[in-house]
Amino acid sequence: MQTRAVYAGFAVFGGFWGAWGGLIPAIRDQAGISNGQLGTALLFIGAGALPAMLLTGRRVDRWGQPAAGVLLPLLGVVGVVLAATARDLTSLSVGLAMLGASSGAADVAINTVAGAAQQASGRPIIPRAHATFSGAVVVSSLFAGTLRALGAPLVTAFALLAVGSVVVAMVLIAGTSRQEQLPLHPNSGQARHVRLPVAFRPLLVLGGLGALAFAVENGHQSWSALYLQDALRAGPATAAAGPAVFAAVVAVSRLAASRLITLHPSATLLFGSTAAAAGTTIVGAAPTVPIGLLGLGVAAAGTGVLFPTLLGILTDRVPDGGRGTATSIVTSVAYLGFLAGPVYVGQWADKVALRVAMFALAALAAALALLALAALRALALGGMSWSITVEPTRDSPE
């Protein structure tokens, strides 16, 4: 039941972002702003997300699974408020900062819960949960677009997701026993509250690799439609299908490679980054739309396995009492790449050409392949120690 609740949590999270992606044009029109102003407003998502991600880990370590049960409905409520109140640039920007904060916190919480479930069960929960997220993005974006075409109010999709998030939250909280809610049982003779010092160096390394992975992934997700339309002269419908195709292949690759991700993480990272580089190169050199879509699919298959693999490596090395803190550090650093990827492509496209930008994106994937091998070898050989130990805090019994 708890494993299904984890998947349901990722489905709600992906459903939210799918609805957001599908409704961006309508939200822009409701706010009465230009594309340039929308780009400025979107920066507030990152401004809200990063501090929330860094602050959430310790709370999750302290409160456990119920933290995710609280944060998911909060994200749903913020989505409803944003859709209802975004009437100008100021209100949209404030709403997006709140959205980023609630989303970043929920992101850390559900990934921490997924890591704990994977460690406890021995099954590849993380890649399957991320596959669920990607699949929900595709379905929700199409569903939100359909609702909008039928004339439904903007808040409809977000309200439905908010209701779903409450149901998932109830399952997550109700399924958590008293002992699971505390880091250690208060009557066990051990410290009730423990501090798990985290070795930042390996976490920053994993986060840096994740940043490269996310830069390539979001570079494609954000620019594929424009690339198909501007560089390959695809029609509007075909160009719009680019991001959906990419997200769908990401979901399939995560699901299909779930066992490989957990059993052979180093090989998976090498395969994924190499495939991402090869696929992106095909996109940049594509003479026709079908070849461009083929390259996009190859790139999606490669990038899709990268971040779940890094989280799996983290899960194998960090105990439960420090997993939330460690997850918040890795995801926060990786999120910088998520924010920078579209900007990186845009700068290359502006200075040279969009085709050249694809080759520059392929170079990031190739760099990831080289850096991942060196980094994982250092971790495996002890060149970077995790140095995670349990120490009682001052208020702990001796």
Protein backbone atom coordinates (compact mmCIF):
# COMPACT_ATOMS: atom_id res chain seq x y z
CA MET A 1 0.00 0.00 0.00
CA GLN A 2 2.77 2.45 0.95
CA THR A 3 4.64 1.82 -2.29
CA ARG A 4 1.48 2.58 -4.25
CA ALA A 5 1.07 5.75 -2.18
CA VAL A 6 4.59 6.83 -3.21
CA TYR A 7 3.70 6.31 -6.87
CA ALA A 8 0.45 8.19 -6.35
CA GLY A 9 2.36 11.09 -4.81
CA PHE A 10 4.62 11.32 -7.86
CA ALA A 11 1.56 11.09 -10.10
CA VAL A 12 0.00 14.08 -8.34
CA PHE A 13 3.28 15.98 -8.55
CA GLY A 14 3.65 15.24 -12.26
CA GLY A 15 0.00 15.96 -12.85
CA PHE A 16 0.41 19.38 -11.33
CA TRP A 17 3.34 20.31 -13.56
CA GLY A 18 1.67 18.84 -16.61
CA ALA A 19 -1.38 21.00 -15.98
CA TRP A 20 0.83 24.03 -15.45
CA GLY A 21 2.64 23.43 -18.75
CA GLY A 22 -0.60 22.97 -20.64
CA LEU A 23 -2.17 26.10 -19.17
CA ILE A 24 0.75 28.55 -19.39
CA PRO A 25 -0.70 30.35 -22.46
CA ALA A 26 -4.07 30.76 -20.75
CA ILE A 27 -2.47 32.02 -17.53
CA ARG A 28 -0.39 34.50 -19.54
CA ASP A 29 -3.51 35.79 -21.26
CA GLN A 30 -5.43 36.04 -17.99
CA ALA A 31 -2.58 38.07 -16.46
CA GLY A 32 -2.48 40.29 -19.56
CA ILE A 33 1.31 40.17 -19.92
CA SER A 34 3.75 39.76 -22.80
CA ASN A 35 6.02 36.76 -23.43
CA GLY A 36 8.96 38.76 -22.13
CA GLN A 37 7.13 39.56 -18.91
CA LEU A 38 6.16 35.92 -18.59
CA GLY A 39 9.82 34.95 -18.87
CA THR A 40 10.63 37.35 -16.04
CA ALA A 41 7.81 36.01 -13.89
CA LEU A 42 8.97 32.42 -14.39
CA LEU A 43 12.27 33.26 -12.69
CA PHE A 44 10.33 33.54 -9.43
CA ILE A 45 9.71 29.77 -9.49
CA GLY A 46 13.41 29.16 -8.98
CA ALA A 47 13.66 31.98 -6.45
CA GLY A 48 11.02 30.28 -4.31
CA ALA A 49 12.13 26.70 -4.91
CA LEU A 50 15.82 26.79 -4.02
CA PRO A 51 15.57 28.03 -0.40
CA ALA A 52 12.57 25.79 0.24
CA MET A 53 14.44 22.74 -1.04
CA LEU A 54 17.42 23.46 1.20
CA LEU A 55 15.22 23.96 4.26
CA THR A 56 12.93 20.96 3.77
CA GLY A 57 15.42 18.13 4.20
CA ARG A 58 15.88 18.45 7.95
CA ARG A 59 12.12 18.69 8.47
CA VAL A 60 11.60 15.47 6.52
CA ASP A 61 14.34 13.75 8.55
CA ARG A 62 12.50 14.78 11.71
CA TRP A 63 8.90 14.13 10.68
CA GLY A 64 9.31 11.38 8.11
CA GLN A 65 6.64 10.36 5.62
CA PRO A 66 3.87 12.63 6.99
CA ALA A 67 5.90 15.63 5.77
CA ALA A 68 5.17 14.57 2.19
CA GLY A 69 1.54 14.10 3.15
CA VAL A 70 1.33 17.73 4.24
CA LEU A 71 3.34 19.30 1.41
CA LEU A 72 1.49 17.72 -1.52
CA PRO A 73 -1.90 19.27 -0.63
CA LEU A 74 -0.12 22.57 0.00
CA LEU A 75 1.13 22.48 -3.59
CA GLY A 76 -2.40 21.80 -4.83
CA VAL A 77 -3.81 24.72 -2.84
CA VAL A 78 -1.13 27.08 -4.15
CA GLY A 79 -1.96 25.98 -7.69
CA VAL A 80 -5.62 26.84 -7.21
CA VAL A 81 -4.76 30.22 -5.67
CA LEU A 82 -2.34 31.02 -8.49
CA ALA A 83 -4.85 30.18 -11.20
CA ALA A 84 -7.53 32.26 -9.48
CA THR A 85 -5.50 35.36 -8.58
CA ALA A 86 -2.87 35.80 -11.33
CA ARG A 87 -4.37 38.92 -12.92
CA ASP A 88 -1.23 40.97 -13.58
CA LEU A 89 2.57 40.67 -13.53
CA THR A 90 2.87 41.34 -9.79
CA SER A 91 0.25 38.85 -8.65
CA LEU A 92 1.61 36.24 -11.07
CA SER A 93 5.18 36.72 -9.84
CA VAL A 94 4.14 36.43 -6.19
CA GLY A 95 2.08 33.35 -6.97
CA LEU A 96 4.98 31.74 -8.85
CA ALA A 97 7.34 32.35 -5.93
CA MET A 98 4.85 30.57 -3.66
CA LEU A 99 4.46 27.85 -6.28
CA GLY A 100 8.22 27.35 -6.47
CA ALA A 101 8.54 27.13 -2.70
CA SER A 102 5.74 24.59 -2.27
CA SER A 103 6.91 22.58 -5.27
CA GLY A 104 10.54 22.53 -4.15
CA ALA A 105 9.56 21.39 -0.67
CA ALA A 106 7.25 18.68 -2.02
CA ASP A 107 9.97 17.55 -4.45
CA VAL A 108 12.47 16.93 -1.65
CA ALA A 109 9.84 15.22 0.52
CA ILE A 110 8.55 12.75 -2.04
CA ASN A 111 12.05 11.87 -3.26
CA THR A 112 13.12 11.22 0.33
CA VAL A 113 10.09 8.99 0.91
CA ALA A 114 10.79 7.15 -2.35
CA GLY A 115 14.40 6.59 -1.28
CA ALA A 116 13.31 5.20 2.07
CA ALA A 117 10.79 2.88 0.37
CA GLN A 118 13.43 1.65 -2.07
CA GLN A 119 15.93 0.98 0.69
CA ALA A 120 13.35 -0.87 2.78
CA SER A 121 11.88 -2.97 -0.03
CA GLY A 122 14.90 -3.61 -2.21
CA ARG A 123 12.79 -2.81 -5.26
CA PRO A 124 13.55 -0.06 -7.84
CA ILE A 125 11.03 2.42 -6.41
CA ILE A 126 12.86 5.62 -7.41
CA PRO A 127 13.05 5.07 -11.20
CA ARG A 128 9.48 3.76 -11.30
CA ALA A 129 8.25 6.73 -9.29
CA HIS A 130 10.02 9.12 -11.66
CA ALA A 131 8.51 7.26 -14.59
CA THR A 132 5.11 7.79 -12.99
CA PHE A 133 5.89 11.50 -12.72
CA SER A 134 6.80 11.78 -16.42
CA GLY A 135 3.76 9.83 -17.52
CA ALA A 136 1.52 12.04 -15.39
CA VAL A 137 3.04 15.15 -17.00
CA VAL A 138 2.01 13.93 -20.45
CA VAL A 139 -1.50 12.86 -19.45
CA SER A 140 -2.19 15.94 -17.33
CA SER A 141 -0.98 18.42 -19.95
CA LEU A 142 -3.29 16.87 -22.54
CA PHE A 143 -6.17 16.72 -20.04
CA ALA A 144 -5.68 20.35 -19.00
CA GLY A 145 -5.62 21.41 -22.64
CA THR A 146 -8.86 19.52 -23.25
CA LEU A 147 -10.53 21.17 -20.26
CA ARG A 148 -9.45 24.56 -21.53
CA ALA A 149 -10.75 23.81 -25.02
CA LEU A 150 -14.12 22.92 -23.48
CA GLY A 151 -14.23 26.31 -21.77
CA ALA A 152 -13.62 25.12 -18.22
CA PRO A 153 -12.25 27.74 -15.78
CA LEU A 154 -8.49 27.81 -15.23
CA VAL A 155 -8.83 26.58 -11.66
CA THR A 156 -10.59 23.35 -12.68
CA ALA A 157 -7.52 21.23 -13.40
CA PHE A 158 -5.68 22.50 -10.32
CA ALA A 159 -8.72 21.93 -8.12
CA LEU A 160 -8.99 18.32 -9.27
CA LEU A 161 -5.31 17.80 -8.55
CA ALA A 162 -5.70 19.41 -5.13
CA VAL A 163 -8.43 16.93 -4.27
CA GLY A 164 -6.24 14.06 -5.48
CA SER A 165 -3.33 15.33 -3.39
CA VAL A 166 -5.50 15.32 -0.25
CA VAL A 167 -6.45 11.69 -0.86
CA VAL A 168 -2.80 10.70 -1.34
CA ALA A 169 -1.82 12.68 1.76
CA MET A 170 -4.36 10.81 3.86
CA VAL A 171 -2.91 7.50 2.71
CA LEU A 172 0.66 8.61 3.41
CA ILE A 173 -0.15 9.87 6.89
CA ALA A 174 -2.53 7.09 7.89
CA GLY A 175 -0.09 4.42 6.72
CA THR A 176 2.72 5.72 8.90
CA SER A 177 3.02 4.06 12.29
CA ARG A 178 4.04 5.97 15.39
CA GLN A 179 7.52 4.55 15.35
CA GLU A 180 7.98 5.45 11.67
CA GLN A 181 7.09 9.05 12.45
CA LEU A 182 10.01 9.45 14.86
CA PRO A 183 13.68 9.04 13.90
CA LEU A 184 14.12 6.77 16.90
CA HIS A 185 11.60 5.46 19.40
CA PRO A 186 11.65 7.70 22.48
CA ASN A 187 11.70 4.73 24.87
CA SER A 188 14.39 2.79 23.10
CA GLY A 189 17.20 4.16 25.24
CA GLN A 190 18.69 5.88 22.22
CA ALA A 191 18.66 9.55 21.37
CA ARG A 192 15.22 10.74 20.46
CA HIS A 193 16.60 13.43 18.16
CA VAL A 194 19.78 12.66 16.27
CA ARG A 195 21.99 14.73 14.04
CA LEU A 196 23.53 13.00 11.07
CA PRO A 197 26.50 15.06 9.88
CA VAL A 198 26.61 14.88 6.10
CA ALA A 199 29.81 14.92 4.11
CA PHE A 200 29.02 17.70 1.65
CA ARG A 201 31.65 16.86 -0.93
CA PRO A 202 30.09 13.66 -2.35
CA LEU A 203 26.63 15.23 -2.18
CA LEU A 204 27.84 18.26 -4.14
CA VAL A 205 29.42 15.92 -6.68
CA LEU A 206 26.15 14.03 -7.15
CA GLY A 207 24.27 17.32 -7.31
CA GLY A 208 26.69 18.66 -9.92
CA LEU A 209 26.20 15.59 -12.08
CA GLY A 210 22.46 15.99 -11.61
CA ALA A 211 22.72 19.63 -12.71
CA LEU A 212 24.31 18.57 -16.00
CA ALA A 213 21.62 15.90 -16.47
CA PHE A 214 18.80 18.35 -15.79
CA ALA A 215 20.36 21.00 -18.02
CA VAL A 216 20.25 18.62 -20.97
CA GLU A 217 16.77 17.32 -20.09
CA ASN A 218 15.12 20.71 -19.58
CA GLY A 219 17.01 22.18 -22.51
CA HIS A 220 15.20 19.72 -24.75
CA GLN A 221 11.90 19.95 -22.90
CA SER A 222 11.83 23.73 -23.16
CA TRP A 223 13.17 24.16 -26.69
CA SER A 224 12.11 21.08 -28.65
CA ALA A 225 8.88 22.62 -29.93
CA LEU A 226 10.63 25.79 -31.07
CA TYR A 227 13.44 23.76 -32.65
CA LEU A 228 11.05 21.60 -34.64
CA GLN A 229 9.15 24.66 -35.79
CA ASP A 230 11.99 27.09 -36.51
CA ALA A 231 14.86 24.84 -37.58
CA LEU A 232 12.98 21.95 -39.22
CA ARG A 233 9.89 23.88 -40.41
CA ALA A 234 7.44 21.57 -38.67
CA GLY A 235 3.78 22.54 -38.53
CA PRO A 236 2.29 23.85 -35.27
CA ALA A 237 0.70 20.53 -34.29
CA THR A 238 3.87 18.53 -34.94
CA ALA A 239 6.05 21.07 -33.17
CA ALA A 240 3.77 21.07 -30.13
CA ALA A 241 4.07 17.28 -29.96
CA GLY A 242 7.83 17.54 -29.40
CA PRO A 243 7.74 18.08 -25.60
CA ALA A 244 5.05 15.40 -25.20
CA VAL A 245 7.12 12.89 -27.19
CA PHE A 246 10.15 13.72 -25.09
CA ALA A 247 8.31 13.31 -21.77
CA ALA A 248 6.68 10.06 -22.92
CA VAL A 249 10.00 8.49 -23.90
CA VAL A 250 11.53 9.64 -20.59
CA ALA A 251 8.72 7.83 -18.74
CA VAL A 252 9.15 4.64 -20.76
CA SER A 253 12.94 4.63 -20.37
CA ARG A 254 12.72 5.04 -16.60
CA LEU A 255 10.24 2.21 -16.33
CA ALA A 256 12.08 -0.13 -18.69
CA ALA A 257 15.50 0.49 -17.11
CA SER A 258 14.37 0.46 -13.48
CA ARG A 259 16.23 -2.75 -12.62
CA LEU A 260 19.34 -1.69 -14.52
CA ILE A 261 19.35 1.65 -12.69
CA THR A 262 19.46 -0.02 -9.28
CA LEU A 263 21.76 -2.94 -10.14
CA HIS A 264 24.30 -1.21 -12.41
CA PRO A 265 24.25 2.54 -11.70
CA SER A 266 27.66 3.32 -13.21
CA ALA A 267 26.84 1.56 -16.47
CA THR A 268 23.45 3.26 -16.55
CA LEU A 269 24.98 6.71 -16.16
CA LEU A 270 27.48 6.00 -18.92
CA PHE A 271 24.78 4.65 -21.24
CA GLY A 272 22.35 7.45 -20.44
CA SER A 273 24.76 10.33 -20.92
CA THR A 274 26.18 8.78 -24.09
CA ALA A 275 22.70 8.27 -25.52
CA ALA A 276 21.76 11.83 -24.55
CA ALA A 277 24.82 13.18 -26.35
CA ALA A 278 24.20 11.02 -29.44
CA GLY A 279 20.50 11.84 -29.61
CA THR A 280 21.10 15.56 -29.19
CA THR A 281 23.71 15.46 -31.95
CA ILE A 282 21.18 13.77 -34.23
CA VAL A 283 18.69 16.53 -33.42
CA GLY A 284 21.22 19.21 -34.29
CA ALA A 285 22.14 17.56 -37.59
CA ALA A 286 18.62 16.44 -38.56
CA PRO A 287 17.60 17.41 -42.11
CA THR A 288 13.94 16.46 -41.62
CA VAL A 289 11.29 16.38 -38.91
CA PRO A 290 11.18 12.54 -38.59
CA ILE A 291 14.93 12.38 -38.02
CA GLY A 292 14.67 15.25 -35.56
CA LEU A 293 11.96 13.39 -33.63
CA LEU A 294 14.10 10.23 -33.70
CA GLY A 295 17.03 12.11 -32.21
CA LEU A 296 14.75 13.66 -29.62
CA GLY A 297 13.56 10.20 -28.62
CA VAL A 298 17.12 8.89 -28.26
CA ALA A 299 18.07 11.92 -26.18
CA ALA A 300 14.98 11.42 -23.99
CA ALA A 301 15.81 7.75 -23.42
CA GLY A 302 19.29 8.76 -22.28
CA THR A 303 18.41 11.70 -20.06
CA GLY A 304 15.45 9.90 -18.50
CA VAL A 305 17.61 7.46 -16.53
CA LEU A 306 20.21 9.93 -15.28
CA PHE A 307 18.74 11.66 -12.22
CA PRO A 308 16.92 8.56 -10.85
CA THR A 309 20.26 6.75 -11.02
CA LEU A 310 21.97 9.50 -9.04
CA LEU A 311 19.21 9.41 -6.41
CA GLY A 312 19.61 5.63 -6.22
CA ILE A 313 23.32 6.04 -5.53
CA LEU A 314 22.44 8.51 -2.79
CA THR A 315 19.86 6.15 -1.27
CA ASP A 316 22.35 3.30 -1.06
CA ARG A 317 24.84 5.38 0.93
CA VAL A 318 22.78 7.55 3.28
CA PRO A 319 20.85 6.19 6.30
CA ASP A 320 17.24 7.13 6.99
CA GLY A 321 18.03 9.74 9.63
CA GLY A 322 20.04 11.85 7.18
CA ARG A 323 18.34 11.05 3.90
CA GLY A 324 16.13 14.14 3.83
CA THR A 325 19.05 16.50 4.41
CA ALA A 326 21.18 14.73 1.81
CA THR A 327 18.33 14.68 -0.71
CA SER A 328 17.70 18.39 -0.25
CA ILE A 329 21.36 19.19 -0.98
CA VAL A 330 21.58 17.01 -4.09
CA THR A 331 18.24 18.12 -5.52
CA SER A 332 18.94 21.80 -4.83
CA VAL A 333 22.27 21.73 -6.67
CA ALA A 334 20.74 19.69 -9.49
CA TYR A 335 17.87 22.15 -9.77
CA LEU A 336 20.36 24.85 -10.75
CA GLY A 337 20.96 22.86 -13.93
CA PHE A 338 17.22 22.60 -14.50
CA LEU A 339 17.01 26.39 -14.40
CA ALA A 340 20.17 26.97 -16.43
CA GLY A 341 19.52 24.48 -19.25
CA PRO A 342 16.92 26.52 -21.18
CA VAL A 343 18.97 29.70 -20.67
CA TYR A 344 22.10 27.94 -21.96
CA VAL A 345 20.29 26.86 -25.13
CA GLY A 346 18.77 30.29 -25.56
CA GLN A 347 22.12 32.04 -25.32
CA TRP A 348 23.68 29.80 -27.95
CA ALA A 349 20.65 30.21 -30.19
CA ASP A 350 20.77 33.98 -29.82
CA LYS A 351 24.51 34.29 -30.43
CA VAL A 352 24.88 31.70 -33.22
CA ALA A 353 21.90 29.55 -34.23
CA LEU A 354 19.44 27.09 -32.73
CA ARG A 355 21.10 24.17 -34.51
CA VAL A 356 24.45 25.09 -32.98
CA ALA A 357 22.74 25.27 -29.60
CA MET A 358 21.83 21.59 -29.94
CA PHE A 359 25.47 20.66 -30.46
CA ALA A 360 26.37 22.75 -27.41
CA LEU A 361 23.75 20.80 -25.45
CA ALA A 362 25.25 17.55 -26.71
CA ALA A 363 28.60 18.70 -25.36
CA LEU A 364 27.08 18.97 -21.87
CA ALA A 365 25.88 15.36 -22.10
CA ALA A 366 29.31 14.22 -23.28
CA ALA A 367 30.93 16.09 -20.38
CA LEU A 368 28.55 14.32 -18.01
CA ALA A 369 29.69 10.93 -19.33
CA LEU A 370 33.34 11.79 -18.68
CA LEU A 371 32.80 13.41 -15.30
CA ALA A 372 30.42 10.70 -14.04
CA LEU A 373 32.99 7.95 -14.59
CA ALA A 374 35.68 9.86 -12.71
CA ALA A 375 33.36 10.88 -9.89
CA LEU A 376 31.86 7.44 -9.32
CA ARG A 377 35.30 5.85 -9.40
CA ALA A 378 36.42 8.26 -6.67
CA LEU A 379 33.35 7.45 -4.59
CA ALA A 380 33.81 3.70 -5.05
CA LEU A 381 37.50 3.79 -4.17
CA GLY A 382 36.95 5.96 -1.12
CA GLY A 383 38.50 9.05 -2.64
CA MET A 384 35.50 10.95 -1.30
CA SER A 385 34.22 9.77 2.05
CA TRP A 386 30.55 10.13 2.95
CA SER A 387 31.54 10.31 6.64
CA ILE A 388 28.00 10.01 7.94
CA THR A 389 27.77 9.12 11.61
CA VAL A 390 25.11 9.37 14.28
CA GLU A 391 25.77 11.85 17.07
CA PRO A 392 23.35 12.64 19.92
CA THR A 393 22.30 16.24 20.24
CA ARG A 394 22.74 18.09 23.54
CA ASP A 395 19.21 17.31 24.68
CA SER A 396 19.67 13.60 24.11
CA PRO A 397 20.01 11.24 27.12
CA GLU A 398 23.51 9.97 27.79
